[in-house]
Amino acid sequence: YRNTKLLQVCDKGQPDEYVVGGDYESNDGE
């Protein structure tokens, strides 16, 4: 996971808000 980036915030401002990360392959969520 080193040098990967966080990809997006989902449901921002909502009670089920969360962040997504971990694309060690292409670093774009694909």
PDB file of all heavy atoms in Angstrom:
ATOM      1  N   TYR A   1       0.821  -1.217   0.000  1.00  0.00           N
ATOM      2  CA  TYR A   1       0.000   0.000   0.000  1.00  0.00           C
ATOM      3  C   TYR A   1       0.854   1.265   0.000  1.00  0.00           C
ATOM      4  O   TYR A   1       0.318   2.364  -0.173  1.00  0.00           O
ATOM      5  CB  TYR A   1      -0.901   0.016   1.237  1.00  0.00           C
ATOM      6  CG  TYR A   1      -2.075  -0.931   1.176  1.00  0.00           C
ATOM      7  CD1 TYR A   1      -2.424  -1.688   2.292  1.00  0.00           C
ATOM      8  CD2 TYR A   1      -2.847  -1.060   0.030  1.00  0.00           C
ATOM      9  CE1 TYR A   1      -3.517  -2.550   2.260  1.00  0.00           C
ATOM     10  CE2 TYR A   1      -3.926  -1.916  -0.020  1.00  0.00           C
ATOM     11  CZ  TYR A   1      -4.257  -2.660   1.097  1.00  0.00           C
ATOM     12  OH  TYR A   1      -5.338  -3.512   1.062  1.00  0.00           O
ATOM     13  N   ARG A   2       2.146   1.138   0.205  1.00  0.00           N
ATOM     14  CA  ARG A   2       3.025   2.316   0.223  1.00  0.00           C
ATOM     15  C   ARG A   2       2.931   3.062  -1.105  1.00  0.00           C
ATOM     16  O   ARG A   2       2.987   2.475  -2.177  1.00  0.00           O
ATOM     17  CB  ARG A   2       4.465   1.890   0.496  1.00  0.00           C
ATOM     18  CG  ARG A   2       5.446   3.047   0.673  1.00  0.00           C
ATOM     19  CD  ARG A   2       6.810   2.495   1.044  1.00  0.00           C
ATOM     20  NE  ARG A   2       7.774   3.542   1.326  1.00  0.00           N
ATOM     21  CZ  ARG A   2       8.586   4.077   0.415  1.00  0.00           C
ATOM     22  NH1 ARG A   2       8.554   3.629  -0.841  1.00  0.00           N
ATOM     23  NH2 ARG A   2       9.433   5.022   0.748  1.00  0.00           N
ATOM     24  N   ASN A   3       2.778   4.379  -1.022  1.00  0.00           N
ATOM     25  CA  ASN A   3       2.673   5.280  -2.175  1.00  0.00           C
ATOM     26  C   ASN A   3       1.373   5.121  -2.957  1.00  0.00           C
ATOM     27  O   ASN A   3       1.276   5.594  -4.091  1.00  0.00           O
ATOM     28  CB  ASN A   3       3.873   5.133  -3.116  1.00  0.00           C
ATOM     29  CG  ASN A   3       5.153   5.693  -2.505  1.00  0.00           C
ATOM     30  OD1 ASN A   3       5.104   6.594  -1.675  1.00  0.00           O
ATOM     31  ND2 ASN A   3       6.284   5.151  -2.900  1.00  0.00           N
ATOM     32  N   THR A   4       0.385   4.447  -2.379  1.00  0.00           N
ATOM     33  CA  THR A   4      -0.946   4.483  -2.987  1.00  0.00           C
ATOM     34  C   THR A   4      -1.692   5.690  -2.436  1.00  0.00           C
ATOM     35  O   THR A   4      -1.329   6.257  -1.404  1.00  0.00           O
ATOM     36  CB  THR A   4      -1.745   3.205  -2.677  1.00  0.00           C
ATOM     37  OG1 THR A   4      -1.925   3.083  -1.254  1.00  0.00           O
ATOM     38  CG2 THR A   4      -1.023   1.976  -3.201  1.00  0.00           C
ATOM     39  N   LYS A   5      -2.746   6.084  -3.115  1.00  0.00           N
ATOM     40  CA  LYS A   5      -3.500   7.259  -2.672  1.00  0.00           C
ATOM     41  C   LYS A   5      -4.916   6.862  -2.282  1.00  0.00           C
ATOM     42  O   LYS A   5      -5.427   5.808  -2.685  1.00  0.00           O
ATOM     43  CB  LYS A   5      -3.522   8.311  -3.768  1.00  0.00           C
ATOM     44  CG  LYS A   5      -4.199   7.865  -5.062  1.00  0.00           C
ATOM     45  CD  LYS A   5      -4.044   8.932  -6.138  1.00  0.00           C
ATOM     46  CE  LYS A   5      -4.729   8.520  -7.444  1.00  0.00           C
ATOM     47  NZ  LYS A   5      -4.552   9.534  -8.507  1.00  0.00           N
ATOM     48  N   LEU A   6      -5.530   7.707  -1.488  1.00  0.00           N
ATOM     49  CA  LEU A   6      -6.948   7.525  -1.230  1.00  0.00           C
ATOM     50  C   LEU A   6      -7.704   7.921  -2.485  1.00  0.00           C
ATOM     51  O   LEU A   6      -7.315   8.844  -3.209  1.00  0.00           O
ATOM     52  CB  LEU A   6      -7.392   8.358  -0.029  1.00  0.00           C
ATOM     53  CG  LEU A   6      -6.734   7.989   1.311  1.00  0.00           C
ATOM     54  CD1 LEU A   6      -7.408   8.733   2.461  1.00  0.00           C
ATOM     55  CD2 LEU A   6      -6.757   6.495   1.569  1.00  0.00           C
ATOM     56  N   LEU A   7      -8.788   7.231  -2.746  1.00  0.00           N
ATOM     57  CA  LEU A   7      -9.423   7.319  -4.059  1.00  0.00           C
ATOM     58  C   LEU A   7     -10.677   8.191  -4.071  1.00  0.00           C
ATOM     59  O   LEU A   7     -10.922   8.903  -5.032  1.00  0.00           O
ATOM     60  CB  LEU A   7      -9.770   5.907  -4.551  1.00  0.00           C
ATOM     61  CG  LEU A   7      -8.556   4.968  -4.680  1.00  0.00           C
ATOM     62  CD1 LEU A   7      -9.003   3.528  -4.813  1.00  0.00           C
ATOM     63  CD2 LEU A   7      -7.691   5.388  -5.857  1.00  0.00           C
ATOM     64  N   GLN A   8     -11.480   8.106  -3.016  1.00  0.00           N
ATOM     65  CA  GLN A   8     -12.693   8.906  -2.994  1.00  0.00           C
ATOM     66  C   GLN A   8     -13.330   8.905  -1.616  1.00  0.00           C
ATOM     67  O   GLN A   8     -12.999   8.083  -0.763  1.00  0.00           O
ATOM     68  CB  GLN A   8     -13.709   8.376  -4.013  1.00  0.00           C
ATOM     69  CG  GLN A   8     -14.233   6.979  -3.716  1.00  0.00           C
ATOM     70  CD  GLN A   8     -15.208   6.496  -4.761  1.00  0.00           C
ATOM     71  OE1 GLN A   8     -14.963   5.499  -5.429  1.00  0.00           O
ATOM     72  NE2 GLN A   8     -16.330   7.178  -4.913  1.00  0.00           N
ATOM     73  N   VAL A   9     -14.207   9.886  -1.421  1.00  0.00           N
ATOM     74  CA  VAL A   9     -15.076   9.935  -0.243  1.00  0.00           C
ATOM     75  C   VAL A   9     -16.471   9.560  -0.717  1.00  0.00           C
ATOM     76  O   VAL A   9     -16.990  10.142  -1.667  1.00  0.00           O
ATOM     77  CB  VAL A   9     -15.112  11.345   0.381  1.00  0.00           C
ATOM     78  CG1 VAL A   9     -15.989  11.336   1.637  1.00  0.00           C
ATOM     79  CG2 VAL A   9     -13.710  11.829   0.699  1.00  0.00           C
ATOM     80  N   CYS A  10     -17.056   8.618  -0.057  1.00  0.00           N
ATOM     81  CA  CYS A  10     -18.412   8.194  -0.420  1.00  0.00           C
ATOM     82  C   CYS A  10     -19.403   8.694   0.621  1.00  0.00           C
ATOM     83  O   CYS A  10     -19.128   8.677   1.821  1.00  0.00           O
ATOM     84  CB  CYS A  10     -18.487   6.672  -0.531  1.00  0.00           C
ATOM     85  SG  CYS A  10     -17.458   5.998  -1.848  1.00  0.00           S
ATOM     86  N   ASP A  11     -20.570   9.155   0.136  1.00  0.00           N
ATOM     87  CA  ASP A  11     -21.641   9.654   1.005  1.00  0.00           C
ATOM     88  C   ASP A  11     -21.132  10.725   1.953  1.00  0.00           C
ATOM     89  O   ASP A  11     -21.422  10.717   3.157  1.00  0.00           O
ATOM     90  CB  ASP A  11     -22.279   8.510   1.788  1.00  0.00           C
ATOM     91  CG  ASP A  11     -22.935   7.485   0.874  1.00  0.00           C
ATOM     92  OD1 ASP A  11     -23.446   7.885  -0.191  1.00  0.00           O
ATOM     93  OD2 ASP A  11     -22.929   6.294   1.205  1.00  0.00           O
ATOM     94  N   LYS A  12     -20.395  11.682   1.401  1.00  0.00           N
ATOM     95  CA  LYS A  12     -19.806  12.743   2.227  1.00  0.00           C
ATOM     96  C   LYS A  12     -20.885  13.505   2.981  1.00  0.00           C
ATOM     97  O   LYS A  12     -21.899  13.911   2.419  1.00  0.00           O
ATOM     98  CB  LYS A  12     -19.008  13.707   1.346  1.00  0.00           C
ATOM     99  CG  LYS A  12     -18.250  14.775   2.137  1.00  0.00           C
ATOM    100  CD  LYS A  12     -17.338  15.577   1.234  1.00  0.00           C
ATOM    101  CE  LYS A  12     -16.548  16.607   2.035  1.00  0.00           C
ATOM    102  NZ  LYS A  12     -15.602  17.366   1.170  1.00  0.00           N
ATOM    103  N   GLY A  13     -20.664  13.666   4.269  1.00  0.00           N
ATOM    104  CA  GLY A  13     -21.599  14.382   5.107  1.00  0.00           C
ATOM    105  C   GLY A  13     -22.766  13.553   5.608  1.00  0.00           C
ATOM    106  O   GLY A  13     -23.560  14.038   6.417  1.00  0.00           O
ATOM    107  N   GLN A  14     -22.860  12.306   5.156  1.00  0.00           N
ATOM    108  CA  GLN A  14     -23.956  11.432   5.555  1.00  0.00           C
ATOM    109  C   GLN A  14     -23.515  10.499   6.683  1.00  0.00           C
ATOM    110  O   GLN A  14     -22.322  10.295   6.910  1.00  0.00           O
ATOM    111  CB  GLN A  14     -24.427  10.606   4.358  1.00  0.00           C
ATOM    112  CG  GLN A  14     -24.894  11.445   3.173  1.00  0.00           C
ATOM    113  CD  GLN A  14     -26.044  12.370   3.545  1.00  0.00           C
ATOM    114  OE1 GLN A  14     -27.034  11.943   4.159  1.00  0.00           O
ATOM    115  NE2 GLN A  14     -25.918  13.640   3.186  1.00  0.00           N
ATOM    116  N   PRO A  15     -24.455   9.896   7.399  1.00  0.00           N
ATOM    117  CA  PRO A  15     -24.082   9.000   8.504  1.00  0.00           C
ATOM    118  C   PRO A  15     -23.256   7.787   8.084  1.00  0.00           C
ATOM    119  O   PRO A  15     -22.564   7.204   8.919  1.00  0.00           O
ATOM    120  CB  PRO A  15     -25.441   8.569   9.075  1.00  0.00           C
ATOM    121  CG  PRO A  15     -26.374   9.670   8.695  1.00  0.00           C
ATOM    122  CD  PRO A  15     -25.909  10.147   7.358  1.00  0.00           C
ATOM    123  N   ASP A  16     -23.325   7.406   6.814  1.00  0.00           N
ATOM    124  CA  ASP A  16     -22.542   6.250   6.364  1.00  0.00           C
ATOM    125  C   ASP A  16     -21.317   6.672   5.557  1.00  0.00           C
ATOM    126  O   ASP A  16     -20.847   5.931   4.694  1.00  0.00           O
ATOM    127  CB  ASP A  16     -23.414   5.301   5.546  1.00  0.00           C
ATOM    128  CG  ASP A  16     -24.051   5.981   4.350  1.00  0.00           C
ATOM    129  OD1 ASP A  16     -24.072   7.238   4.307  1.00  0.00           O
ATOM    130  OD2 ASP A  16     -24.528   5.265   3.453  1.00  0.00           O
ATOM    131  N   GLU A  17     -20.772   7.837   5.868  1.00  0.00           N
ATOM    132  CA  GLU A  17     -19.598   8.359   5.161  1.00  0.00           C
ATOM    133  C   GLU A  17     -18.387   7.438   5.349  1.00  0.00           C
ATOM    134  O   GLU A  17     -18.151   6.908   6.426  1.00  0.00           O
ATOM    135  CB  GLU A  17     -19.294   9.751   5.721  1.00  0.00           C
ATOM    136  CG  GLU A  17     -18.053  10.426   5.153  1.00  0.00           C
ATOM    137  CD  GLU A  17     -17.816  11.749   5.867  1.00  0.00           C
ATOM    138  OE1 GLU A  17     -17.124  11.734   6.933  1.00  0.00           O
ATOM    139  OE2 GLU A  17     -18.314  12.775   5.401  1.00  0.00           O
ATOM    140  N   TYR A  18     -17.611   7.271   4.281  1.00  0.00           N
ATOM    141  CA  TYR A  18     -16.381   6.476   4.368  1.00  0.00           C
ATOM    142  C   TYR A  18     -15.428   6.881   3.260  1.00  0.00           C
ATOM    143  O   TYR A  18     -15.834   7.523   2.269  1.00  0.00           O
ATOM    144  CB  TYR A  18     -16.679   4.973   4.283  1.00  0.00           C
ATOM    145  CG  TYR A  18     -17.394   4.519   3.038  1.00  0.00           C
ATOM    146  CD1 TYR A  18     -16.688   4.105   1.905  1.00  0.00           C
ATOM    147  CD2 TYR A  18     -18.796   4.481   2.983  1.00  0.00           C
ATOM    148  CE1 TYR A  18     -17.341   3.668   0.768  1.00  0.00           C
ATOM    149  CE2 TYR A  18     -19.457   4.050   1.852  1.00  0.00           C
ATOM    150  CZ  TYR A  18     -18.728   3.645   0.746  1.00  0.00           C
ATOM    151  OH  TYR A  18     -19.397   3.218  -0.389  1.00  0.00           O
ATOM    152  N   VAL A  19     -14.151   6.539   3.439  1.00  0.00           N
ATOM    153  CA  VAL A  19     -13.148   6.808   2.413  1.00  0.00           C
ATOM    154  C   VAL A  19     -12.677   5.468   1.847  1.00  0.00           C
ATOM    155  O   VAL A  19     -12.780   4.425   2.496  1.00  0.00           O
ATOM    156  CB  VAL A  19     -11.945   7.600   2.975  1.00  0.00           C
ATOM    157  CG1 VAL A  19     -12.405   8.921   3.558  1.00  0.00           C
ATOM    158  CG2 VAL A  19     -11.179   6.796   4.023  1.00  0.00           C
ATOM    159  N   VAL A  20     -12.164   5.524   0.625  1.00  0.00           N
ATOM    160  CA  VAL A  20     -11.733   4.321  -0.102  1.00  0.00           C
ATOM    161  C   VAL A  20     -10.252   4.454  -0.440  1.00  0.00           C
ATOM    162  O   VAL A  20      -9.786   5.527  -0.835  1.00  0.00           O
ATOM    163  CB  VAL A  20     -12.531   4.137  -1.406  1.00  0.00           C
ATOM    164  CG1 VAL A  20     -12.143   2.830  -2.091  1.00  0.00           C
ATOM    165  CG2 VAL A  20     -14.022   4.194  -1.137  1.00  0.00           C
ATOM    166  N   GLY A  21      -9.504   3.364  -0.289  1.00  0.00           N
ATOM    167  CA  GLY A  21      -8.098   3.346  -0.680  1.00  0.00           C
ATOM    168  C   GLY A  21      -7.651   1.939  -1.012  1.00  0.00           C
ATOM    169  O   GLY A  21      -8.436   0.989  -0.975  1.00  0.00           O
ATOM    170  N   GLY A  22      -6.354   1.813  -1.348  1.00  0.00           N
ATOM    171  CA  GLY A  22      -5.774   0.483  -1.475  1.00  0.00           C
ATOM    172  C   GLY A  22      -5.529  -0.047  -2.871  1.00  0.00           C
ATOM    173  O   GLY A  22      -5.245  -1.237  -3.023  1.00  0.00           O
ATOM    174  N   ASP A  23      -5.590   0.800  -3.915  1.00  0.00           N
ATOM    175  CA  ASP A  23      -5.337   0.292  -5.264  1.00  0.00           C
ATOM    176  C   ASP A  23      -3.827   0.248  -5.505  1.00  0.00           C
ATOM    177  O   ASP A  23      -3.221   1.191  -6.004  1.00  0.00           O
ATOM    178  CB  ASP A  23      -6.019   1.179  -6.311  1.00  0.00           C
ATOM    179  CG  ASP A  23      -5.879   0.619  -7.723  1.00  0.00           C
ATOM    180  OD1 ASP A  23      -5.154  -0.374  -7.905  1.00  0.00           O
ATOM    181  OD2 ASP A  23      -6.485   1.192  -8.652  1.00  0.00           O
ATOM    182  N   TYR A  24      -3.212  -0.880  -5.150  1.00  0.00           N
ATOM    183  CA  TYR A  24      -1.767  -1.036  -5.288  1.00  0.00           C
ATOM    184  C   TYR A  24      -1.360  -1.285  -6.744  1.00  0.00           C
ATOM    185  O   TYR A  24      -0.157  -1.221  -7.067  1.00  0.00           O
ATOM    186  CB  TYR A  24      -1.282  -2.197  -4.411  1.00  0.00           C
ATOM    187  CG  TYR A  24      -1.782  -3.550  -4.878  1.00  0.00           C
ATOM    188  CD1 TYR A  24      -1.071  -4.284  -5.822  1.00  0.00           C
ATOM    189  CD2 TYR A  24      -2.975  -4.085  -4.392  1.00  0.00           C
ATOM    190  CE1 TYR A  24      -1.533  -5.523  -6.267  1.00  0.00           C
ATOM    191  CE2 TYR A  24      -3.430  -5.317  -4.818  1.00  0.00           C
ATOM    192  CZ  TYR A  24      -2.707  -6.026  -5.747  1.00  0.00           C
ATOM    193  OH  TYR A  24      -3.180  -7.236  -6.199  1.00  0.00           O
ATOM    194  N   GLU A  25      -2.324  -1.557  -7.620  1.00  0.00           N
ATOM    195  CA  GLU A  25      -2.002  -1.880  -9.017  1.00  0.00           C
ATOM    196  C   GLU A  25      -1.966  -0.637  -9.912  1.00  0.00           C
ATOM    197  O   GLU A  25      -0.940  -0.330 -10.511  1.00  0.00           O
ATOM    198  CB  GLU A  25      -3.024  -2.870  -9.573  1.00  0.00           C
ATOM    199  CG  GLU A  25      -2.924  -4.255  -8.964  1.00  0.00           C
ATOM    200  CD  GLU A  25      -3.897  -5.216  -9.612  1.00  0.00           C
ATOM    201  OE1 GLU A  25      -5.117  -4.980  -9.555  1.00  0.00           O
ATOM    202  OE2 GLU A  25      -3.425  -6.223 -10.184  1.00  0.00           O
ATOM    203  N   SER A  26      -3.083   0.069 -10.013  1.00  0.00           N
ATOM    204  CA  SER A  26      -3.145   1.199 -10.946  1.00  0.00           C
ATOM    205  C   SER A  26      -3.346   2.544 -10.248  1.00  0.00           C
ATOM    206  O   SER A  26      -3.267   3.588 -10.900  1.00  0.00           O
ATOM    207  CB  SER A  26      -4.279   0.981 -11.956  1.00  0.00           C
ATOM    208  OG  SER A  26      -5.514   0.780 -11.286  1.00  0.00           O
ATOM    209  N   ASN A  27      -3.618   2.531  -8.949  1.00  0.00           N
ATOM    210  CA  ASN A  27      -3.731   3.750  -8.144  1.00  0.00           C
ATOM    211  C   ASN A  27      -4.843   4.690  -8.626  1.00  0.00           C
ATOM    212  O   ASN A  27      -4.787   5.891  -8.410  1.00  0.00           O
ATOM    213  CB  ASN A  27      -2.400   4.509  -8.113  1.00  0.00           C
ATOM    214  CG  ASN A  27      -2.088   5.070  -6.730  1.00  0.00           C
ATOM    215  OD1 ASN A  27      -2.803   4.820  -5.765  1.00  0.00           O
ATOM    216  ND2 ASN A  27      -1.027   5.844  -6.643  1.00  0.00           N
ATOM    217  N   ASP A  28      -5.855   4.114  -9.293  1.00  0.00           N
ATOM    218  CA  ASP A  28      -6.960   4.951  -9.760  1.00  0.00           C
ATOM    219  C   ASP A  28      -8.325   4.349  -9.427  1.00  0.00           C
ATOM    220  O   ASP A  28      -9.357   4.862  -9.865  1.00  0.00           O
ATOM    221  CB  ASP A  28      -6.854   5.190 -11.267  1.00  0.00           C
ATOM    222  CG  ASP A  28      -6.870   3.890 -12.076  1.00  0.00           C
ATOM    223  OD1 ASP A  28      -7.089   2.801 -11.479  1.00  0.00           O
ATOM    224  OD2 ASP A  28      -6.649   3.948 -13.302  1.00  0.00           O
ATOM    225  N   GLY A  29      -8.327   3.255  -8.688  1.00  0.00           N
ATOM    226  CA  GLY A  29      -9.588   2.618  -8.320  1.00  0.00           C
ATOM    227  C   GLY A  29     -10.006   1.495  -9.233  1.00  0.00           C
ATOM    228  O   GLY A  29     -10.970   0.779  -8.931  1.00  0.00           O
ATOM    229  N   GLU A  30      -9.285   1.306 -10.328  1.00  0.00           N
ATOM    230  CA  GLU A  30      -9.628   0.241 -11.260  1.00  0.00           C
ATOM    231  C   GLU A  30      -8.927  -1.063 -10.916  1.00  0.00           C
ATOM    232  O   GLU A  30      -9.310  -2.129 -11.390  1.00  0.00           O
ATOM    233  CB  GLU A  30      -9.260   0.661 -12.696  1.00  0.00           C
ATOM    234  CG  GLU A  30     -10.051   1.851 -13.210  1.00  0.00           C
ATOM    235  CD  GLU A  30     -11.547   1.581 -13.235  1.00  0.00           C
ATOM    236  OE1 GLU A  30     -11.952   0.481 -13.668  1.00  0.00           O
ATOM    237  OE2 GLU A  30     -12.315   2.469 -12.816  1.00  0.00           O
TER     238      GLU A  30
END
